Full PDB file with SEQRES, HELIX, SHEET, SSBOND, CRYST1, ORIGX, SCALE, CONECT and MASTER records, all heavy atoms in Angstrom:
SEQRES   1 A   41  SER LYS GLN GLY GLN LYS ARG LYS ILE GLN LEU ASP ALA          
SEQRES   2 A   41  SER ASP GLN LEU PHE SER GLN LEU ARG ASP ALA ASN PHE          
SEQRES   3 A   41  ALA ILE VAL GLY ASP ILE LEU ASN LYS VAL ALA ARG ARG          
SEQRES   4 A   41  LEU GLU                                                      
HELIX    1 AA1 GLN A   16  LEU A   21  1                                   6    
HELIX    2 AA2 PHE A   26  ILE A   28  5                                   3    
HELIX    3 AA3 VAL A   29  LEU A   40  1                                  12    
CRYST1    1.000    1.000    1.000  90.00  90.00  90.00 P 1           1          
ORIGX1      1.000000  0.000000  0.000000        0.00000                         
ORIGX2      0.000000  1.000000  0.000000        0.00000                         
ORIGX3      0.000000  0.000000  1.000000        0.00000                         
SCALE1      1.000000  0.000000  0.000000        0.00000                         
SCALE2      0.000000  1.000000  0.000000        0.00000                         
SCALE3      0.000000  0.000000  1.000000        0.00000                         
ATOM      1  N   SER A   1      87.507  95.115  91.397  1.00  0.00           N  
ATOM      2  CA  SER A   1      87.284  96.317  90.592  1.00  0.00           C  
ATOM      3  C   SER A   1      87.631  97.590  91.362  1.00  0.00           C  
ATOM      4  O   SER A   1      88.039  98.575  90.763  1.00  0.00           O  
ATOM      5  CB  SER A   1      85.826  96.365  90.118  1.00  0.00           C  
ATOM      6  OG  SER A   1      84.965  96.323  91.234  1.00  0.00           O  
ATOM      7  N   LYS A   2      87.491  97.577  92.684  1.00  0.00           N  
ATOM      8  CA  LYS A   2      87.767  98.784  93.458  1.00  0.00           C  
ATOM      9  C   LYS A   2      89.256  99.082  93.527  1.00  0.00           C  
ATOM     10  O   LYS A   2      89.663 100.219  93.456  1.00  0.00           O  
ATOM     11  CB  LYS A   2      87.199  98.635  94.877  1.00  0.00           C  
ATOM     12  CG  LYS A   2      85.670  98.634  94.914  1.00  0.00           C  
ATOM     13  CD  LYS A   2      85.170  98.561  96.346  1.00  0.00           C  
ATOM     14  CE  LYS A   2      83.649  98.564  96.387  1.00  0.00           C  
ATOM     15  NZ  LYS A   2      83.132  98.466  97.758  1.00  0.00           N  
ATOM     16  N   GLN A   3      90.070  98.067  93.692  1.00  0.00           N  
ATOM     17  CA  GLN A   3      91.514  98.277  93.789  1.00  0.00           C  
ATOM     18  C   GLN A   3      92.215  98.054  92.452  1.00  0.00           C  
ATOM     19  O   GLN A   3      93.413  98.217  92.354  1.00  0.00           O  
ATOM     20  CB  GLN A   3      92.128  97.336  94.829  1.00  0.00           C  
ATOM     21  CG  GLN A   3      91.673  97.582  96.255  1.00  0.00           C  
ATOM     22  CD  GLN A   3      90.381  96.876  96.594  1.00  0.00           C  
ATOM     23  OE1 GLN A   3      90.004  95.921  95.936  1.00  0.00           O  
ATOM     24  NE2 GLN A   3      89.681  97.363  97.600  1.00  0.00           N  
ATOM     25  N   GLY A   4      91.486  97.662  91.430  1.00  0.00           N  
ATOM     26  CA  GLY A   4      92.114  97.297  90.167  1.00  0.00           C  
ATOM     27  C   GLY A   4      92.254  95.795  90.096  1.00  0.00           C  
ATOM     28  O   GLY A   4      92.138  95.094  91.101  1.00  0.00           O  
ATOM     29  N   GLN A   5      92.470  95.288  88.927  1.00  0.00           N  
ATOM     30  CA  GLN A   5      92.576  93.842  88.755  1.00  0.00           C  
ATOM     31  C   GLN A   5      93.851  93.303  89.397  1.00  0.00           C  
ATOM     32  O   GLN A   5      94.884  93.947  89.377  1.00  0.00           O  
ATOM     33  CB  GLN A   5      92.544  93.485  87.262  1.00  0.00           C  
ATOM     34  CG  GLN A   5      91.171  93.709  86.632  1.00  0.00           C  
ATOM     35  CD  GLN A   5      91.151  93.296  85.174  1.00  0.00           C  
ATOM     36  OE1 GLN A   5      92.081  93.566  84.436  1.00  0.00           O  
ATOM     37  NE2 GLN A   5      90.085  92.637  84.773  1.00  0.00           N  
ATOM     38  N   LYS A   6      93.724  92.102  89.940  1.00  0.00           N  
ATOM     39  CA  LYS A   6      94.850  91.464  90.624  1.00  0.00           C  
ATOM     40  C   LYS A   6      95.349  90.274  89.815  1.00  0.00           C  
ATOM     41  O   LYS A   6      94.586  89.616  89.108  1.00  0.00           O  
ATOM     42  CB  LYS A   6      94.429  90.981  92.018  1.00  0.00           C  
ATOM     43  CG  LYS A   6      93.909  92.075  92.943  1.00  0.00           C  
ATOM     44  CD  LYS A   6      95.030  92.931  93.475  1.00  0.00           C  
ATOM     45  CE  LYS A   6      94.492  93.976  94.455  1.00  0.00           C  
ATOM     46  NZ  LYS A   6      95.546  94.819  94.997  1.00  0.00           N  
ATOM     47  N   ARG A   7      96.619  90.019  89.953  1.00  0.00           N  
ATOM     48  CA  ARG A   7      97.228  88.844  89.328  1.00  0.00           C  
ATOM     49  C   ARG A   7      97.938  88.030  90.396  1.00  0.00           C  
ATOM     50  O   ARG A   7      98.668  88.582  91.225  1.00  0.00           O  
ATOM     51  CB  ARG A   7      98.217  89.285  88.252  1.00  0.00           C  
ATOM     52  CG  ARG A   7      99.050  88.138  87.670  1.00  0.00           C  
ATOM     53  CD  ARG A   7     100.036  88.642  86.640  1.00  0.00           C  
ATOM     54  NE  ARG A   7     101.007  87.599  86.309  1.00  0.00           N  
ATOM     55  CZ  ARG A   7     102.080  87.794  85.542  1.00  0.00           C  
ATOM     56  NH1 ARG A   7     102.307  88.992  85.015  1.00  0.00           N  
ATOM     57  NH2 ARG A   7     102.913  86.804  85.291  1.00  0.00           N  
ATOM     58  N   LYS A   8      97.703  86.735  90.386  1.00  0.00           N  
ATOM     59  CA  LYS A   8      98.371  85.857  91.354  1.00  0.00           C  
ATOM     60  C   LYS A   8      99.781  85.548  90.862  1.00  0.00           C  
ATOM     61  O   LYS A   8      99.962  85.049  89.760  1.00  0.00           O  
ATOM     62  CB  LYS A   8      97.578  84.566  91.539  1.00  0.00           C  
ATOM     63  CG  LYS A   8      96.326  84.740  92.382  1.00  0.00           C  
ATOM     64  CD  LYS A   8      95.741  83.398  92.766  1.00  0.00           C  
ATOM     65  CE  LYS A   8      94.453  83.576  93.567  1.00  0.00           C  
ATOM     66  NZ  LYS A   8      94.678  84.279  94.843  1.00  0.00           N  
ATOM     67  N   ILE A   9     100.764  85.839  91.700  1.00  0.00           N  
ATOM     68  CA  ILE A   9     102.160  85.545  91.395  1.00  0.00           C  
ATOM     69  C   ILE A   9     102.596  84.353  92.240  1.00  0.00           C  
ATOM     70  O   ILE A   9     102.489  84.395  93.476  1.00  0.00           O  
ATOM     71  CB  ILE A   9     103.070  86.766  91.692  1.00  0.00           C  
ATOM     72  CG1 ILE A   9     102.597  87.998  90.921  1.00  0.00           C  
ATOM     73  CG2 ILE A   9     104.520  86.434  91.366  1.00  0.00           C  
ATOM     74  CD1 ILE A   9     102.637  87.866  89.430  1.00  0.00           C  
ATOM     75  N   GLN A  10     103.041  83.297  91.597  1.00  0.00           N  
ATOM     76  CA  GLN A  10     103.500  82.114  92.321  1.00  0.00           C  
ATOM     77  C   GLN A  10     104.898  82.369  92.873  1.00  0.00           C  
ATOM     78  O   GLN A  10     105.811  82.738  92.136  1.00  0.00           O  
ATOM     79  CB  GLN A  10     103.513  80.898  91.388  1.00  0.00           C  
ATOM     80  CG  GLN A  10     103.679  79.567  92.095  1.00  0.00           C  
ATOM     81  CD  GLN A  10     102.454  79.168  92.922  1.00  0.00           C  
ATOM     82  OE1 GLN A  10     101.339  79.598  92.615  1.00  0.00           O  
ATOM     83  NE2 GLN A  10     102.660  78.395  93.972  1.00  0.00           N  
ATOM     84  N   LEU A  11     105.056  82.174  94.167  1.00  0.00           N  
ATOM     85  CA  LEU A  11     106.334  82.447  94.828  1.00  0.00           C  
ATOM     86  C   LEU A  11     106.846  81.178  95.491  1.00  0.00           C  
ATOM     87  O   LEU A  11     106.615  80.934  96.677  1.00  0.00           O  
ATOM     88  CB  LEU A  11     106.162  83.569  95.861  1.00  0.00           C  
ATOM     89  CG  LEU A  11     105.689  84.925  95.319  1.00  0.00           C  
ATOM     90  CD1 LEU A  11     105.359  85.865  96.467  1.00  0.00           C  
ATOM     91  CD2 LEU A  11     106.723  85.546  94.404  1.00  0.00           C  
ATOM     92  N   ASP A  12     107.522  80.352  94.717  1.00  0.00           N  
ATOM     93  CA  ASP A  12     108.101  79.124  95.256  1.00  0.00           C  
ATOM     94  C   ASP A  12     109.283  78.702  94.390  1.00  0.00           C  
ATOM     95  O   ASP A  12     109.701  79.437  93.479  1.00  0.00           O  
ATOM     96  CB  ASP A  12     107.052  78.004  95.366  1.00  0.00           C  
ATOM     97  CG  ASP A  12     106.365  77.707  94.033  1.00  0.00           C  
ATOM     98  OD1 ASP A  12     106.981  77.957  92.972  1.00  0.00           O  
ATOM     99  OD2 ASP A  12     105.218  77.213  94.050  1.00  0.00           O  
ATOM    100  N   ALA A  13     109.805  77.510  94.641  1.00  0.00           N  
ATOM    101  CA  ALA A  13     111.012  77.053  93.954  1.00  0.00           C  
ATOM    102  C   ALA A  13     110.794  76.789  92.471  1.00  0.00           C  
ATOM    103  O   ALA A  13     111.770  76.599  91.733  1.00  0.00           O  
ATOM    104  CB  ALA A  13     111.538  75.784  94.635  1.00  0.00           C  
ATOM    105  N   SER A  14     109.537  76.774  92.002  1.00  0.00           N  
ATOM    106  CA  SER A  14     109.287  76.578  90.574  1.00  0.00           C  
ATOM    107  C   SER A  14     109.793  77.771  89.757  1.00  0.00           C  
ATOM    108  O   SER A  14     110.016  77.658  88.555  1.00  0.00           O  
ATOM    109  CB  SER A  14     107.787  76.374  90.310  1.00  0.00           C  
ATOM    110  OG  SER A  14     107.047  77.538  90.664  1.00  0.00           O  
ATOM    111  N   ASP A  15     109.967  78.910  90.413  1.00  0.00           N  
ATOM    112  CA  ASP A  15     110.523  80.111  89.777  1.00  0.00           C  
ATOM    113  C   ASP A  15     111.993  80.209  90.186  1.00  0.00           C  
ATOM    114  O   ASP A  15     112.307  80.556  91.319  1.00  0.00           O  
ATOM    115  CB  ASP A  15     109.739  81.341  90.242  1.00  0.00           C  
ATOM    116  CG  ASP A  15     110.193  82.632  89.571  1.00  0.00           C  
ATOM    117  OD1 ASP A  15     111.310  82.666  89.020  1.00  0.00           O  
ATOM    118  OD2 ASP A  15     109.430  83.616  89.612  1.00  0.00           O  
ATOM    119  N   GLN A  16     112.888  79.904  89.244  1.00  0.00           N  
ATOM    120  CA  GLN A  16     114.321  79.870  89.577  1.00  0.00           C  
ATOM    121  C   GLN A  16     114.849  81.236  90.014  1.00  0.00           C  
ATOM    122  O   GLN A  16     115.687  81.326  90.910  1.00  0.00           O  
ATOM    123  CB  GLN A  16     115.117  79.367  88.376  1.00  0.00           C  
ATOM    124  CG  GLN A  16     114.891  77.892  88.062  1.00  0.00           C  
ATOM    125  CD  GLN A  16     115.772  77.385  86.937  1.00  0.00           C  
ATOM    126  OE1 GLN A  16     116.520  78.152  86.335  1.00  0.00           O  
ATOM    127  NE2 GLN A  16     115.681  76.102  86.636  1.00  0.00           N  
ATOM    128  N   LEU A  17     114.349  82.291  89.385  1.00  0.00           N  
ATOM    129  CA  LEU A  17     114.810  83.635  89.761  1.00  0.00           C  
ATOM    130  C   LEU A  17     114.377  83.974  91.176  1.00  0.00           C  
ATOM    131  O   LEU A  17     115.160  84.519  91.963  1.00  0.00           O  
ATOM    132  CB  LEU A  17     114.278  84.668  88.772  1.00  0.00           C  
ATOM    133  CG  LEU A  17     114.653  86.130  89.056  1.00  0.00           C  
ATOM    134  CD1 LEU A  17     116.165  86.308  89.165  1.00  0.00           C  
ATOM    135  CD2 LEU A  17     114.086  87.053  87.976  1.00  0.00           C  
ATOM    136  N   PHE A  18     113.133  83.626  91.529  1.00  0.00           N  
ATOM    137  CA  PHE A  18     112.660  83.891  92.888  1.00  0.00           C  
ATOM    138  C   PHE A  18     113.488  83.119  93.909  1.00  0.00           C  
ATOM    139  O   PHE A  18     113.764  83.627  94.998  1.00  0.00           O  
ATOM    140  CB  PHE A  18     111.183  83.531  93.020  1.00  0.00           C  
ATOM    141  CG  PHE A  18     110.629  83.760  94.394  1.00  0.00           C  
ATOM    142  CD1 PHE A  18     110.501  85.048  94.901  1.00  0.00           C  
ATOM    143  CD2 PHE A  18     110.259  82.693  95.205  1.00  0.00           C  
ATOM    144  CE1 PHE A  18     110.010  85.275  96.184  1.00  0.00           C  
ATOM    145  CE2 PHE A  18     109.770  82.900  96.482  1.00  0.00           C  
ATOM    146  CZ  PHE A  18     109.644  84.196  96.967  1.00  0.00           C  
ATOM    147  N   SER A  19     113.909  81.901  93.560  1.00  0.00           N  
ATOM    148  CA  SER A  19     114.757  81.109  94.462  1.00  0.00           C  
ATOM    149  C   SER A  19     116.066  81.829  94.759  1.00  0.00           C  
ATOM    150  O   SER A  19     116.609  81.734  95.860  1.00  0.00           O  
ATOM    151  CB  SER A  19     115.045  79.732  93.852  1.00  0.00           C  
ATOM    152  OG  SER A  19     113.852  78.983  93.755  1.00  0.00           O  
ATOM    153  N   GLN A  20     116.590  82.572  93.765  1.00  0.00           N  
ATOM    154  CA  GLN A  20     117.803  83.367  93.973  1.00  0.00           C  
ATOM    155  C   GLN A  20     117.550  84.580  94.843  1.00  0.00           C  
ATOM    156  O   GLN A  20     118.402  85.001  95.619  1.00  0.00           O  
ATOM    157  CB  GLN A  20     118.348  83.860  92.626  1.00  0.00           C  
ATOM    158  CG  GLN A  20     119.063  82.839  91.787  1.00  0.00           C  
ATOM    159  CD  GLN A  20     119.571  83.487  90.505  1.00  0.00           C  
ATOM    160  OE1 GLN A  20     118.996  83.304  89.432  1.00  0.00           O  
ATOM    161  NE2 GLN A  20     120.630  84.255  90.610  1.00  0.00           N  
ATOM    162  N   LEU A  21     116.354  85.150  94.707  1.00  0.00           N  
ATOM    163  CA  LEU A  21     116.061  86.435  95.344  1.00  0.00           C  
ATOM    164  C   LEU A  21     115.477  86.323  96.743  1.00  0.00           C  
ATOM    165  O   LEU A  21     115.701  87.195  97.588  1.00  0.00           O  
ATOM    166  CB  LEU A  21     115.067  87.226  94.480  1.00  0.00           C  
ATOM    167  CG  LEU A  21     115.510  87.662  93.087  1.00  0.00           C  
ATOM    168  CD1 LEU A  21     114.311  88.177  92.303  1.00  0.00           C  
ATOM    169  CD2 LEU A  21     116.583  88.737  93.174  1.00  0.00           C  
ATOM    170  N   ARG A  22     114.732  85.274  97.010  1.00  0.00           N  
ATOM    171  CA  ARG A  22     113.837  85.238  98.172  1.00  0.00           C  
ATOM    172  C   ARG A  22     114.548  85.492  99.495  1.00  0.00           C  
ATOM    173  O   ARG A  22     114.021  86.196 100.364  1.00  0.00           O  
ATOM    174  CB  ARG A  22     113.076  83.909  98.208  1.00  0.00           C  
ATOM    175  CG  ARG A  22     113.916  82.696  98.513  1.00  0.00           C  
ATOM    176  CD  ARG A  22     113.171  81.377  98.285  1.00  0.00           C  
ATOM    177  NE  ARG A  22     111.892  81.334  98.968  1.00  0.00           N  
ATOM    178  CZ  ARG A  22     111.017  80.336  98.845  1.00  0.00           C  
ATOM    179  NH1 ARG A  22     111.320  79.294  98.077  1.00  0.00           N  
ATOM    180  NH2 ARG A  22     109.879  80.364  99.498  1.00  0.00           N  
ATOM    181  N   ASP A  23     115.724  84.924  99.696  1.00  0.00           N  
ATOM    182  CA  ASP A  23     116.410  85.038 100.987  1.00  0.00           C  
ATOM    183  C   ASP A  23     117.440  86.164 101.019  1.00  0.00           C  
ATOM    184  O   ASP A  23     118.102  86.368 102.039  1.00  0.00           O  
ATOM    185  CB  ASP A  23     117.101  83.716 101.335  1.00  0.00           C  
ATOM    186  CG  ASP A  23     116.106  82.572 101.456  1.00  0.00           C  
ATOM    187  OD1 ASP A  23     114.951  82.836 101.836  1.00  0.00           O  
ATOM    188  OD2 ASP A  23     116.482  81.416 101.167  1.00  0.00           O  
ATOM    189  N   ALA A  24     117.578  86.894  99.909  1.00  0.00           N  
ATOM    190  CA  ALA A  24     118.566  87.975  99.836  1.00  0.00           C  
ATOM    191  C   ALA A  24     118.041  89.212 100.555  1.00  0.00           C  
ATOM    192  O   ALA A  24     116.841  89.504 100.539  1.00  0.00           O  
ATOM    193  CB  ALA A  24     118.876  88.311  98.384  1.00  0.00           C  
ATOM    194  N   ASN A  25     118.947  89.942 101.206  1.00  0.00           N  
ATOM    195  CA  ASN A  25     118.576  91.251 101.751  1.00  0.00           C  
ATOM    196  C   ASN A  25     118.178  92.146 100.586  1.00  0.00           C  
ATOM    197  O   ASN A  25     118.804  92.134  99.531  1.00  0.00           O  
ATOM    198  CB  ASN A  25     119.757  91.854 102.507  1.00  0.00           C  
ATOM    199  CG  ASN A  25     119.381  93.119 103.259  1.00  0.00           C  
ATOM    200  OD1 ASN A  25     119.088  94.149 102.657  1.00  0.00           O  
ATOM    201  ND2 ASN A  25     119.384  93.049 104.577  1.00  0.00           N  
ATOM    202  N   PHE A  26     117.121  92.924 100.769  1.00  0.00           N  
ATOM    203  CA  PHE A  26     116.582  93.718  99.657  1.00  0.00           C  
ATOM    204  C   PHE A  26     117.616  94.686  99.083  1.00  0.00           C  
ATOM    205  O   PHE A  26     117.525  95.089  97.918  1.00  0.00           O  
ATOM    206  CB  PHE A  26     115.333  94.478 100.101  1.00  0.00           C  
ATOM    207  CG  PHE A  26     114.582  95.112  98.970  1.00  0.00           C  
ATOM    208  CD1 PHE A  26     113.883  94.328  98.063  1.00  0.00           C  
ATOM    209  CD2 PHE A  26     114.591  96.485  98.787  1.00  0.00           C  
ATOM    210  CE1 PHE A  26     113.195  94.899  97.002  1.00  0.00           C  
ATOM    211  CE2 PHE A  26     113.900  97.067  97.740  1.00  0.00           C  
ATOM    212  CZ  PHE A  26     113.199  96.278  96.843  1.00  0.00           C  
ATOM    213  N   ALA A  27     118.616  95.035  99.867  1.00  0.00           N  
ATOM    214  CA  ALA A  27     119.638  95.979  99.411  1.00  0.00           C  
ATOM    215  C   ALA A  27     120.393  95.468  98.191  1.00  0.00           C  
ATOM    216  O   ALA A  27     120.922  96.272  97.405  1.00  0.00           O  
ATOM    217  CB  ALA A  27     120.624  96.279 100.543  1.00  0.00           C  
ATOM    218  N   ILE A  28     120.466  94.148  97.993  1.00  0.00           N  
ATOM    219  CA  ILE A  28     121.241  93.618  96.861  1.00  0.00           C  
ATOM    220  C   ILE A  28     120.350  93.034  95.765  1.00  0.00           C  
ATOM    221  O   ILE A  28     120.854  92.503  94.776  1.00  0.00           O  
ATOM    222  CB  ILE A  28     122.258  92.553  97.318  1.00  0.00           C  
ATOM    223  CG1 ILE A  28     121.550  91.298  97.829  1.00  0.00           C  
ATOM    224  CG2 ILE A  28     123.200  93.105  98.358  1.00  0.00           C  
ATOM    225  CD1 ILE A  28     122.441  90.082  97.907  1.00  0.00           C  
ATOM    226  N   VAL A  29     119.027  93.116  95.931  1.00  0.00           N  
ATOM    227  CA  VAL A  29     118.107  92.545  94.935  1.00  0.00           C  
ATOM    228  C   VAL A  29     118.292  93.208  93.576  1.00  0.00           C  
ATOM    229  O   VAL A  29     118.280  92.542  92.529  1.00  0.00           O  
ATOM    230  CB  VAL A  29     116.644  92.650  95.425  1.00  0.00           C  
ATOM    231  CG1 VAL A  29     115.658  92.402  94.281  1.00  0.00           C  
ATOM    232  CG2 VAL A  29     116.393  91.656  96.549  1.00  0.00           C  
ATOM    233  N   GLY A  30     118.485  94.528  93.564  1.00  0.00           N  
ATOM    234  CA  GLY A  30     118.686  95.249  92.296  1.00  0.00           C  
ATOM    235  C   GLY A  30     119.891  94.734  91.530  1.00  0.00           C  
ATOM    236  O   GLY A  30     119.833  94.549  90.300  1.00  0.00           O  
ATOM    237  N   ASP A  31     120.994  94.471  92.238  1.00  0.00           N  
ATOM    238  CA  ASP A  31     122.207  93.948  91.593  1.00  0.00           C  
ATOM    239  C   ASP A  31     121.960  92.578  90.975  1.00  0.00           C  
ATOM    240  O   ASP A  31     122.412  92.295  89.865  1.00  0.00           O  
ATOM    241  CB  ASP A  31     123.353  93.861  92.609  1.00  0.00           C  
ATOM    242  CG  ASP A  31     123.864  95.231  93.029  1.00  0.00           C  
ATOM    243  OD1 ASP A  31     123.591  96.195  92.290  1.00  0.00           O  
ATOM    244  OD2 ASP A  31     124.504  95.332  94.089  1.00  0.00           O  
ATOM    245  N   ILE A  32     121.240  91.724  91.702  1.00  0.00           N  
ATOM    246  CA  ILE A  32     120.949  90.381  91.184  1.00  0.00           C  
ATOM    247  C   ILE A  32     120.099  90.475  89.926  1.00  0.00           C  
ATOM    248  O   ILE A  32     120.358  89.797  88.919  1.00  0.00           O  
ATOM    249  CB  ILE A  32     120.231  89.527  92.260  1.00  0.00           C  
ATOM    250  CG1 ILE A  32     121.142  89.305  93.467  1.00  0.00           C  
ATOM    251  CG2 ILE A  32     119.798  88.177  91.675  1.00  0.00           C  
ATOM    252  CD1 ILE A  32     120.452  88.621  94.649  1.00  0.00           C  
ATOM    253  N   LEU A  33     119.082  91.333  89.945  1.00  0.00           N  
ATOM    254  CA  LEU A  33     118.205  91.502  88.779  1.00  0.00           C  
ATOM    255  C   LEU A  33     118.985  92.035  87.579  1.00  0.00           C  
ATOM    256  O   LEU A  33     118.770  91.596  86.443  1.00  0.00           O  
ATOM    257  CB  LEU A  33     117.043  92.438  89.116  1.00  0.00           C  
ATOM    258  CG  LEU A  33     115.993  91.876  90.096  1.00  0.00           C  
ATOM    259  CD1 LEU A  33     115.034  92.975  90.532  1.00  0.00           C  
ATOM    260  CD2 LEU A  33     115.207  90.725  89.459  1.00  0.00           C  
ATOM    261  N   ASN A  34     119.917  92.962  87.817  1.00  0.00           N  
ATOM    262  CA  ASN A  34     120.730  93.511  86.722  1.00  0.00           C  
ATOM    263  C   ASN A  34     121.610  92.435  86.089  1.00  0.00           C  
ATOM    264  O   ASN A  34     121.741  92.367  84.861  1.00  0.00           O  
ATOM    265  CB  ASN A  34     121.610  94.660  87.239  1.00  0.00           C  
ATOM    266  CG  ASN A  34     120.826  95.945  87.411  1.00  0.00           C  
ATOM    267  OD1 ASN A  34     119.835  96.163  86.712  1.00  0.00           O  
ATOM    268  ND2 ASN A  34     121.237  96.783  88.334  1.00  0.00           N  
ATOM    269  N   LYS A  35     122.200  91.588  86.916  1.00  0.00           N  
ATOM    270  CA  LYS A  35     123.054  90.510  86.392  1.00  0.00           C  
ATOM    271  C   LYS A  35     122.243  89.537  85.544  1.00  0.00           C  
ATOM    272  O   LYS A  35     122.689  89.099  84.474  1.00  0.00           O  
ATOM    273  CB  LYS A  35     123.734  89.765  87.545  1.00  0.00           C  
ATOM    274  CG  LYS A  35     124.853  90.548  88.209  1.00  0.00           C  
ATOM    275  CD  LYS A  35     125.440  89.771  89.380  1.00  0.00           C  
ATOM    276  CE  LYS A  35     126.516  90.590  90.094  1.00  0.00           C  
ATOM    277  NZ  LYS A  35     127.040  89.878  91.291  1.00  0.00           N  
ATOM    278  N   VAL A  36     121.053  89.186  86.023  1.00  0.00           N  
ATOM    279  CA  VAL A  36     120.199  88.262  85.263  1.00  0.00           C  
ATOM    280  C   VAL A  36     119.783  88.900  83.946  1.00  0.00           C  
ATOM    281  O   VAL A  36     119.773  88.236  82.897  1.00  0.00           O  
ATOM    282  CB  VAL A  36     118.955  87.875  86.098  1.00  0.00           C  
ATOM    283  CG1 VAL A  36     117.967  87.059  85.250  1.00  0.00           C  
ATOM    284  CG2 VAL A  36     119.360  87.074  87.336  1.00  0.00           C  
ATOM    285  N   ALA A  37     119.461  90.197  83.979  1.00  0.00           N  
ATOM    286  CA  ALA A  37     119.062  90.891  82.750  1.00  0.00           C  
ATOM    287  C   ALA A  37     120.191  90.909  81.733  1.00  0.00           C  
ATOM    288  O   ALA A  37     119.972  90.679  80.529  1.00  0.00           O  
ATOM    289  CB  ALA A  37     118.623  92.321  83.081  1.00  0.00           C  
ATOM    290  N   ARG A  38     121.424  91.159  82.191  1.00  0.00           N  
ATOM    291  CA  ARG A  38     122.567  91.181  81.269  1.00  0.00           C  
ATOM    292  C   ARG A  38     122.839  89.788  80.696  1.00  0.00           C  
ATOM    293  O   ARG A  38     123.155  89.643  79.510  1.00  0.00           O  
ATOM    294  CB  ARG A  38     123.812  91.710  81.989  1.00  0.00           C  
ATOM    295  CG  ARG A  38     123.785  93.228  82.204  1.00  0.00           C  
ATOM    296  CD  ARG A  38     125.178  93.759  82.522  1.00  0.00           C  
ATOM    297  NE  ARG A  38     125.694  93.215  83.772  1.00  0.00           N  
ATOM    298  CZ  ARG A  38     125.493  93.792  84.961  1.00  0.00           C  
ATOM    299  NH1 ARG A  38     124.799  94.911  85.055  1.00  0.00           N  
ATOM    300  NH2 ARG A  38     126.006  93.245  86.063  1.00  0.00           N  
ATOM    301  N   ARG A  39     122.703  88.756  81.530  1.00  0.00           N  
ATOM    302  CA  ARG A  39     122.923  87.397  81.045  1.00  0.00           C  
ATOM    303  C   ARG A  39     121.882  87.014  80.002  1.00  0.00           C  
ATOM    304  O   ARG A  39     122.208  86.424  78.961  1.00  0.00           O  
ATOM    305  CB  ARG A  39     122.864  86.397  82.207  1.00  0.00           C  
ATOM    306  CG  ARG A  39     123.070  84.950  81.769  1.00  0.00           C  
ATOM    307  CD  ARG A  39     122.992  83.993  82.925  1.00  0.00           C  
ATOM    308  NE  ARG A  39     121.725  84.047  83.632  1.00  0.00           N  
ATOM    309  CZ  ARG A  39     120.591  83.496  83.178  1.00  0.00           C  
ATOM    310  NH1 ARG A  39     120.568  82.889  82.007  1.00  0.00           N  
ATOM    311  NH2 ARG A  39     119.488  83.564  83.892  1.00  0.00           N  
ATOM    312  N   LEU A  40     120.613  87.371  80.256  1.00  0.00           N  
ATOM    313  CA  LEU A  40     119.556  87.059  79.290  1.00  0.00           C  
ATOM    314  C   LEU A  40     119.782  87.793  77.969  1.00  0.00           C  
ATOM    315  O   LEU A  40     119.565  87.235  76.888  1.00  0.00           O  
ATOM    316  CB  LEU A  40     118.183  87.449  79.867  1.00  0.00           C  
ATOM    317  CG  LEU A  40     117.465  86.391  80.698  1.00  0.00           C  
ATOM    318  CD1 LEU A  40     116.168  86.953  81.271  1.00  0.00           C  
ATOM    319  CD2 LEU A  40     117.168  85.153  79.877  1.00  0.00           C  
ATOM    320  N   GLU A  41     120.237  89.045  78.068  1.00  0.00           N  
ATOM    321  CA  GLU A  41     120.514  89.809  76.849  1.00  0.00           C  
ATOM    322  C   GLU A  41     121.618  89.143  76.030  1.00  0.00           C  
ATOM    323  O   GLU A  41     121.520  89.015  74.812  1.00  0.00           O  
ATOM    324  CB  GLU A  41     120.929  91.237  77.227  1.00  0.00           C  
ATOM    325  CG  GLU A  41     121.110  92.155  76.023  1.00  0.00           C  
ATOM    326  CD  GLU A  41     121.499  93.559  76.426  1.00  0.00           C  
ATOM    327  OE1 GLU A  41     121.706  93.804  77.638  1.00  0.00           O  
ATOM    328  OE2 GLU A  41     121.608  94.417  75.537  1.00  0.00           O  
TER     329      GLU A  41                                                      
MASTER        0    0    0    3    0    0    0    6  328    1    0    4          
END                                                                             
């Protein structure tokens, strides 16, 4: 309650998108997310 409610995010191979992102340098994470968003659209 002091910091606000928390949600547990599972970070493993069960999340295919996380598997793509986890080892990438953060500088290119935005590009990967944009490509996935366009494909889903």
